[in-house]
Amino acid sequence: MVKRVAGRAPRVLIVVQNLPVPFDRRVWLEATSLHANGYAVSVICPKAKGFNRSRERLEGIDIYRYPLPFEARGKLGYIAEFLWCFAATALLSGRVALFGGGFDILHVCNPPETYWPLGWFWRAFGRIFIFDHHDLSPEMAAVKFGRDRGVLIRALLWLEKATFRAAQVVITTNESHKAIAVARGGKRPDDVYIVRSGPELSRFRLYEPDPGVKNGKPHAIVYLGEICEQDGVDYLLRALKILRDEFGRRDFHCVLIGGGPHQPAMDAYAREIGVEELCTFTGRISDEALCRILSSADIAIDPDPKNPWSDKSTMNKIVEYMYFRLPIVAFDLAESRVSAAEAALFVEPNVERELARGVAELLDDPQRRAAMGACGGNRVRERLAWQYSVPPLLAAYEAACALRRR
């Protein structure tokens, strides 16, 4: 049981800018797991379609949302968005402290790494600052903007280091990120806790296969995820073209699940290269529809190209595919190997022909697909589900509470 702070349950304020809750699955699992273990939890996040209420309480979590008056585009747009979100979050943190439930621990998730001044401000009033290191912002920017040097990258590295310096406890997603927290952020290894982004098994359900998912073909290939520019969906679409035009295959249909800012562009690209009849873009769908499609697929694809960001990142889609016992074809990335192990066929990075070859190889080998799927399903249920991430999350919080008590 959690130890009390000043005679009461410790109070937590989580700040996330990237997505609203409960849509941000990792943040929501952290919040509900903390609540289930005796913490009083509040969350500040932006509004988004379907999450428009400024104030609500869900599953025991107090949620404070602020509006985003514009959609960021380009560098100046992102800077304006960061300033707006910082100001809104700072005001709402004061509201929580003075008129809400209050907080003893400020838990800030990146991206971006712009909340360290808020961390120092609340530290001056005795709060503990936890940095939840979700993503590698400098590496991500290098991928998005096509350069790994310059003013922007230097600024992001400086912001990252300032955030690490302000944080008393760091939570991160894998060993690669922990190494960066130590080497680049100057943190002591004992102050960095790895909390992997595993799925909550109760969210998913296996269904009987639905032949309609295959669009009249023998096999269904599936992609899952918000479609952003860096996610490599263009590699997947070109691989589909190679499967049809060069390998002569007509025995598959590909379903791409998820919305995202780059989804319309990829839909247009599929028409441009003539593969629109080979694939279906679903946009955002319900959890039930997602589960039904994944339960009906034969092969899952992770087309994230190899770069300094992706090679060190844990891809949630990999573990979610594994729950549904789907064999995976993916480019050979270090952290994807850690997640999937024998559940994936890893191919030469950033070569769509190799992605197509891997798919063709598995389409022709149902026994191998079954063995890979069983390996993935067992790994999720025995090692990678969210329940195995809760103990290190609670350990990080006990360290924070110990600092607060002192």
Foldseek 3Di string as FASTA:
>chain_A
DADPAPPAAAEEEEEDEPDFPPVPPQVVVLQLLSVVVRYQYEYEYEADVVRPDQWDADNRYTYGYHYDPDDADDDVSVVVSVVVSQVVVLVVLVCCCPPNVHHQEYEYEDDPLPCLVVLVVVVVVLHAYEYEYAFDVLQVVCLVVVHNDDDVSVVRLVSVLSSLVSHQAYEYADPLVLVCCCPSNVDDSVRYFHQHPAAAVVLADADAADVVLFVPAQFEEEEEDADDPQQQVVLVLVLLVCCCPVVVDPRGAYEYEEHHPCVVVVCVVSVVVVNNVRYHYDYHDDSVVVNNSLNNHAAYERQRADDPGVLSHADRVLLVSLLSLFQYEYADHNNSCVLQPLLYDHFHGPHSNRSNVRVVVCVVPVVSRNVSSVSSNCCSVPPRHSVNSSVSSVVSVSVSSVSSND
